[in-house]
Amino acid sequence: MWFGLLGAPFAWTVQHVVGISLIEAACNPPSPPWGVPVDGWTLTMTAVAAIVAILSAAAAYMAYRATKDAGTDPPEARVRFLAILGLVVSPIFLAIVLMSGITVVSFPECVQS
């Protein structure tokens, strides 16, 4: 249940932090210029984060199905409520993960605003 609720947001957070670090490394090279393959790493991180988000949605769905007979009793009703939240949050964060990964690959990294 907790993975179903927090897995996709955590995956996006890791993808976002790693993505910003890659862009910073690519746009501000050290004295010997090392080529940071931003697109390759971004695609890898996007794929991993998307898989985690999909697994998170699956875990939320399994928790939802496991508590289908839960009434208003506190333990089962809470698990069902958090599973519903996971079913709502996971696809949203999956979309965010995919949009941010595709955007980084589609547009150039180091453009002054």
N, C-alpha and C. Protein backbone atom coordinates (compact mmCIF):
# COMPACT_ATOMS: atom_id res chain seq x y z
N MET A 1 0.81 -1.17 0.00
CA MET A 1 0.00 0.00 0.00
C MET A 1 0.87 1.26 0.00
N TRP A 2 1.91 1.27 0.81
CA TRP A 2 2.77 2.45 0.86
C TRP A 2 3.54 2.63 -0.43
N PHE A 3 3.99 1.53 -1.02
CA PHE A 3 4.66 1.63 -2.32
C PHE A 3 3.68 2.11 -3.39
N GLY A 4 2.45 1.65 -3.31
CA GLY A 4 1.44 2.08 -4.25
C GLY A 4 1.15 3.57 -4.14
N LEU A 5 1.27 4.11 -2.95
CA LEU A 5 1.01 5.53 -2.75
C LEU A 5 2.23 6.40 -3.03
N LEU A 6 3.41 5.98 -2.59
CA LEU A 6 4.58 6.84 -2.64
C LEU A 6 5.63 6.45 -3.69
N GLY A 7 5.44 5.32 -4.36
CA GLY A 7 6.44 4.86 -5.32
C GLY A 7 6.62 5.80 -6.50
N ALA A 8 5.52 6.23 -7.11
CA ALA A 8 5.61 7.10 -8.29
C ALA A 8 6.15 8.49 -7.94
N PRO A 9 5.69 9.13 -6.85
CA PRO A 9 6.30 10.42 -6.51
C PRO A 9 7.79 10.32 -6.19
N PHE A 10 8.19 9.25 -5.53
CA PHE A 10 9.61 9.07 -5.23
C PHE A 10 10.41 8.85 -6.51
N ALA A 11 9.87 8.07 -7.44
CA ALA A 11 10.55 7.84 -8.72
C ALA A 11 10.73 9.15 -9.48
N TRP A 12 9.70 9.99 -9.50
CA TRP A 12 9.83 11.28 -10.17
C TRP A 12 10.86 12.16 -9.48
N THR A 13 10.87 12.14 -8.15
CA THR A 13 11.83 12.96 -7.40
C THR A 13 13.26 12.57 -7.75
N VAL A 14 13.54 11.28 -7.77
CA VAL A 14 14.89 10.81 -8.11
C VAL A 14 15.22 11.18 -9.56
N GLN A 15 14.26 10.99 -10.47
CA GLN A 15 14.50 11.35 -11.87
C GLN A 15 14.77 12.84 -12.00
N HIS A 16 14.04 13.65 -11.28
CA HIS A 16 14.20 15.10 -11.37
C HIS A 16 15.56 15.55 -10.84
N VAL A 17 15.96 15.03 -9.69
CA VAL A 17 17.24 15.42 -9.09
C VAL A 17 18.41 14.96 -9.97
N VAL A 18 18.34 13.73 -10.46
CA VAL A 18 19.41 13.23 -11.34
C VAL A 18 19.42 14.02 -12.65
N GLY A 19 18.24 14.34 -13.18
CA GLY A 19 18.17 15.11 -14.42
C GLY A 19 18.77 16.49 -14.29
N ILE A 20 18.48 17.17 -13.19
CA ILE A 20 19.06 18.50 -12.97
C ILE A 20 20.58 18.38 -12.82
N SER A 21 21.04 17.37 -12.14
CA SER A 21 22.49 17.17 -11.98
C SER A 21 23.16 16.92 -13.34
N LEU A 22 22.51 16.13 -14.19
CA LEU A 22 23.07 15.88 -15.52
C LEU A 22 23.13 17.14 -16.37
N ILE A 23 22.07 17.93 -16.31
CA ILE A 23 22.05 19.17 -17.09
C ILE A 23 23.12 20.13 -16.58
N GLU A 24 23.28 20.22 -15.27
CA GLU A 24 24.33 21.08 -14.71
C GLU A 24 25.71 20.60 -15.13
N ALA A 25 25.91 19.30 -15.13
CA ALA A 25 27.21 18.76 -15.53
C ALA A 25 27.47 18.99 -17.02
N ALA A 26 26.45 18.91 -17.84
CA ALA A 26 26.64 19.11 -19.27
C ALA A 26 26.83 20.58 -19.63
N CYS A 27 26.15 21.47 -18.93
CA CYS A 27 26.20 22.89 -19.28
C CYS A 27 27.38 23.61 -18.63
N ASN A 28 27.94 23.07 -17.60
CA ASN A 28 29.08 23.68 -16.91
C ASN A 28 30.22 22.67 -16.85
N PRO A 29 30.87 22.40 -17.98
CA PRO A 29 31.92 21.37 -17.98
C PRO A 29 33.15 21.82 -17.19
N PRO A 30 33.85 20.88 -16.56
CA PRO A 30 35.10 21.21 -15.89
C PRO A 30 36.20 21.51 -16.91
N SER A 31 37.40 21.81 -16.41
CA SER A 31 38.47 22.20 -17.33
C SER A 31 38.73 21.16 -18.42
N PRO A 32 38.99 19.88 -18.09
CA PRO A 32 39.04 18.96 -19.22
C PRO A 32 37.61 18.57 -19.59
N PRO A 33 37.14 18.93 -20.75
CA PRO A 33 35.73 18.68 -21.07
C PRO A 33 35.42 17.19 -21.18
N TRP A 34 34.64 16.73 -20.26
CA TRP A 34 34.15 15.36 -20.30
C TRP A 34 32.79 15.41 -20.96
N GLY A 35 32.55 14.55 -21.85
CA GLY A 35 31.24 14.53 -22.50
C GLY A 35 30.23 13.79 -21.63
N VAL A 36 29.26 14.51 -21.12
CA VAL A 36 28.21 13.90 -20.32
C VAL A 36 27.07 13.52 -21.27
N PRO A 37 26.80 12.23 -21.43
CA PRO A 37 25.73 11.82 -22.35
C PRO A 37 24.35 12.04 -21.70
N VAL A 38 23.88 13.27 -21.77
CA VAL A 38 22.64 13.63 -21.10
C VAL A 38 21.46 12.85 -21.64
N ASP A 39 21.37 12.72 -22.96
CA ASP A 39 20.22 12.03 -23.54
C ASP A 39 20.16 10.57 -23.13
N GLY A 40 21.29 9.89 -23.15
CA GLY A 40 21.30 8.48 -22.76
C GLY A 40 20.92 8.27 -21.31
N TRP A 41 21.52 9.07 -20.44
CA TRP A 41 21.18 8.95 -19.01
C TRP A 41 19.74 9.35 -18.75
N THR A 42 19.26 10.36 -19.45
CA THR A 42 17.87 10.79 -19.25
C THR A 42 16.90 9.72 -19.70
N LEU A 43 17.17 9.10 -20.84
CA LEU A 43 16.30 8.02 -21.29
C LEU A 43 16.30 6.85 -20.32
N THR A 44 17.48 6.53 -19.79
CA THR A 44 17.57 5.44 -18.81
C THR A 44 16.78 5.78 -17.55
N MET A 45 16.99 6.99 -17.03
CA MET A 45 16.27 7.39 -15.82
C MET A 45 14.77 7.48 -16.05
N THR A 46 14.37 7.93 -17.23
CA THR A 46 12.94 8.01 -17.55
C THR A 46 12.33 6.61 -17.61
N ALA A 47 13.04 5.68 -18.22
CA ALA A 47 12.52 4.31 -18.31
C ALA A 47 12.41 3.67 -16.92
N VAL A 48 13.42 3.86 -16.09
CA VAL A 48 13.39 3.28 -14.74
C VAL A 48 12.27 3.92 -13.92
N ALA A 49 12.16 5.24 -13.98
CA ALA A 49 11.11 5.93 -13.21
C ALA A 49 9.72 5.55 -13.72
N ALA A 50 9.57 5.38 -15.02
CA ALA A 50 8.27 4.97 -15.57
C ALA A 50 7.91 3.55 -15.12
N ILE A 51 8.88 2.67 -15.10
CA ILE A 51 8.62 1.30 -14.63
C ILE A 51 8.23 1.30 -13.16
N VAL A 52 8.92 2.10 -12.35
CA VAL A 52 8.58 2.19 -10.93
C VAL A 52 7.17 2.77 -10.76
N ALA A 53 6.82 3.77 -11.55
CA ALA A 53 5.48 4.36 -11.46
C ALA A 53 4.40 3.36 -11.86
N ILE A 54 4.67 2.56 -12.89
CA ILE A 54 3.71 1.54 -13.31
C ILE A 54 3.56 0.47 -12.23
N LEU A 55 4.69 0.04 -11.66
CA LEU A 55 4.62 -0.94 -10.57
C LEU A 55 3.91 -0.37 -9.35
N SER A 56 4.09 0.91 -9.11
CA SER A 56 3.41 1.58 -8.01
C SER A 56 1.90 1.57 -8.23
N ALA A 57 1.47 1.86 -9.45
CA ALA A 57 0.05 1.81 -9.76
C ALA A 57 -0.50 0.39 -9.62
N ALA A 58 0.29 -0.60 -10.02
CA ALA A 58 -0.13 -1.99 -9.88
C ALA A 58 -0.26 -2.38 -8.41
N ALA A 59 0.68 -1.91 -7.57
CA ALA A 59 0.60 -2.20 -6.14
C ALA A 59 -0.62 -1.52 -5.52
N ALA A 60 -0.91 -0.31 -5.94
CA ALA A 60 -2.09 0.38 -5.43
C ALA A 60 -3.37 -0.35 -5.85
N TYR A 61 -3.38 -0.84 -7.08
CA TYR A 61 -4.54 -1.59 -7.56
C TYR A 61 -4.72 -2.90 -6.79
N MET A 62 -3.61 -3.58 -6.50
CA MET A 62 -3.70 -4.82 -5.73
C MET A 62 -4.20 -4.56 -4.32
N ALA A 63 -3.75 -3.46 -3.70
CA ALA A 63 -4.23 -3.11 -2.37
C ALA A 63 -5.71 -2.74 -2.43
N TYR A 64 -6.12 -2.08 -3.49
CA TYR A 64 -7.53 -1.72 -3.67
C TYR A 64 -8.39 -2.97 -3.81
N ARG A 65 -7.92 -3.92 -4.63
CA ARG A 65 -8.68 -5.17 -4.82
C ARG A 65 -8.70 -6.02 -3.55
N ALA A 66 -7.62 -5.98 -2.78
CA ALA A 66 -7.56 -6.79 -1.56
C ALA A 66 -8.52 -6.26 -0.49
N THR A 67 -8.88 -5.00 -0.57
CA THR A 67 -9.76 -4.41 0.45
C THR A 67 -11.13 -4.10 -0.12
N LYS A 68 -11.57 -4.88 -1.12
CA LYS A 68 -12.87 -4.59 -1.73
C LYS A 68 -14.04 -4.84 -0.78
N ASP A 69 -13.85 -5.72 0.20
CA ASP A 69 -14.92 -6.00 1.16
C ASP A 69 -14.79 -5.16 2.43
N ALA A 70 -13.88 -4.20 2.43
CA ALA A 70 -13.70 -3.36 3.61
C ALA A 70 -14.88 -2.41 3.75
N GLY A 71 -15.42 -2.39 4.91
CA GLY A 71 -16.52 -1.46 5.16
C GLY A 71 -15.98 -0.14 5.65
N THR A 72 -16.48 0.27 6.77
CA THR A 72 -16.01 1.53 7.36
C THR A 72 -15.11 1.27 8.56
N ASP A 73 -14.68 0.03 8.72
CA ASP A 73 -13.76 -0.29 9.82
C ASP A 73 -12.43 0.40 9.57
N PRO A 74 -11.84 1.01 10.60
CA PRO A 74 -10.65 1.84 10.40
C PRO A 74 -9.46 1.18 9.71
N PRO A 75 -8.97 0.02 10.08
CA PRO A 75 -7.75 -0.43 9.40
C PRO A 75 -7.96 -0.69 7.91
N GLU A 76 -8.99 -1.44 7.56
CA GLU A 76 -9.20 -1.77 6.15
C GLU A 76 -9.66 -0.55 5.35
N ALA A 77 -10.48 0.28 5.94
CA ALA A 77 -10.96 1.46 5.23
C ALA A 77 -9.82 2.43 4.94
N ARG A 78 -8.87 2.54 5.85
CA ARG A 78 -7.71 3.41 5.61
C ARG A 78 -6.85 2.87 4.48
N VAL A 79 -6.63 1.56 4.49
CA VAL A 79 -5.83 0.95 3.43
C VAL A 79 -6.51 1.17 2.08
N ARG A 80 -7.82 1.00 2.04
CA ARG A 80 -8.55 1.21 0.79
C ARG A 80 -8.47 2.67 0.33
N PHE A 81 -8.59 3.60 1.27
CA PHE A 81 -8.50 5.02 0.94
C PHE A 81 -7.12 5.36 0.38
N LEU A 82 -6.06 4.86 1.03
CA LEU A 82 -4.71 5.13 0.55
C LEU A 82 -4.44 4.44 -0.78
N ALA A 83 -5.06 3.28 -0.99
CA ALA A 83 -4.92 2.61 -2.29
C ALA A 83 -5.60 3.43 -3.39
N ILE A 84 -6.75 4.02 -3.09
CA ILE A 84 -7.42 4.88 -4.06
C ILE A 84 -6.56 6.10 -4.37
N LEU A 85 -5.95 6.68 -3.34
CA LEU A 85 -5.04 7.80 -3.57
C LEU A 85 -3.86 7.38 -4.45
N GLY A 86 -3.33 6.19 -4.22
CA GLY A 86 -2.25 5.68 -5.06
C GLY A 86 -2.69 5.49 -6.50
N LEU A 87 -3.93 5.04 -6.71
CA LEU A 87 -4.46 4.88 -8.06
C LEU A 87 -4.64 6.22 -8.77
N VAL A 88 -4.86 7.28 -8.00
CA VAL A 88 -5.00 8.61 -8.59
C VAL A 88 -3.64 9.25 -8.83
N VAL A 89 -2.73 9.10 -7.88
CA VAL A 89 -1.44 9.79 -7.94
C VAL A 89 -0.47 9.13 -8.93
N SER A 90 -0.46 7.82 -9.00
CA SER A 90 0.52 7.12 -9.85
C SER A 90 0.43 7.50 -11.32
N PRO A 91 -0.76 7.52 -11.94
CA PRO A 91 -0.79 7.92 -13.36
C PRO A 91 -0.39 9.39 -13.58
N ILE A 92 -0.70 10.24 -12.62
CA ILE A 92 -0.29 11.64 -12.75
C ILE A 92 1.23 11.75 -12.77
N PHE A 93 1.88 11.08 -11.83
CA PHE A 93 3.34 11.13 -11.78
C PHE A 93 3.98 10.38 -12.94
N LEU A 94 3.32 9.35 -13.45
CA LEU A 94 3.82 8.68 -14.64
C LEU A 94 3.82 9.65 -15.82
N ALA A 95 2.77 10.43 -15.96
CA ALA A 95 2.72 11.43 -17.02
C ALA A 95 3.80 12.49 -16.84
N ILE A 96 4.03 12.92 -15.60
CA ILE A 96 5.07 13.91 -15.33
C ILE A 96 6.45 13.35 -15.68
N VAL A 97 6.69 12.10 -15.30
CA VAL A 97 7.97 11.45 -15.61
C VAL A 97 8.19 11.39 -17.12
N LEU A 98 7.18 10.97 -17.85
CA LEU A 98 7.32 10.85 -19.30
C LEU A 98 7.49 12.21 -19.96
N MET A 99 6.73 13.20 -19.52
CA MET A 99 6.85 14.53 -20.13
C MET A 99 8.21 15.16 -19.86
N SER A 100 8.72 15.01 -18.63
CA SER A 100 10.01 15.61 -18.34
C SER A 100 11.14 14.89 -19.07
N GLY A 101 11.06 13.58 -19.19
CA GLY A 101 12.10 12.84 -19.90
C GLY A 101 12.09 13.13 -21.39
N ILE A 102 10.92 13.18 -21.99
CA ILE A 102 10.82 13.46 -23.42
C ILE A 102 11.26 14.88 -23.72
N THR A 103 10.94 15.81 -22.84
CA THR A 103 11.32 17.21 -23.05
C THR A 103 12.83 17.39 -23.04
N VAL A 104 13.51 16.74 -22.11
CA VAL A 104 14.97 16.88 -22.05
C VAL A 104 15.62 16.32 -23.29
N VAL A 105 15.12 15.21 -23.80
CA VAL A 105 15.70 14.60 -24.99
C VAL A 105 15.36 15.41 -26.25
N SER A 106 14.19 16.03 -26.28
CA SER A 106 13.73 16.74 -27.48
C SER A 106 14.37 18.10 -27.68
N PHE A 107 14.69 18.79 -26.60
CA PHE A 107 15.21 20.15 -26.71
C PHE A 107 16.68 20.20 -26.31
N PRO A 108 17.42 21.19 -26.80
CA PRO A 108 18.84 21.31 -26.42
C PRO A 108 18.99 21.67 -24.95
N GLU A 109 20.11 21.20 -24.36
CA GLU A 109 20.29 21.37 -22.92
C GLU A 109 20.68 22.79 -22.52
N CYS A 110 21.67 23.34 -23.16
CA CYS A 110 22.30 24.56 -22.67
C CYS A 110 21.88 25.76 -23.51
N VAL A 111 20.73 26.30 -23.24
CA VAL A 111 20.25 27.47 -23.95
C VAL A 111 20.02 28.57 -22.92
N GLN A 112 20.57 29.74 -23.18
CA GLN A 112 20.37 30.87 -22.26
C GLN A 112 18.97 31.40 -22.44
N SER A 113 18.35 31.75 -21.33
CA SER A 113 16.98 32.27 -21.42
C SER A 113 16.95 33.76 -21.65
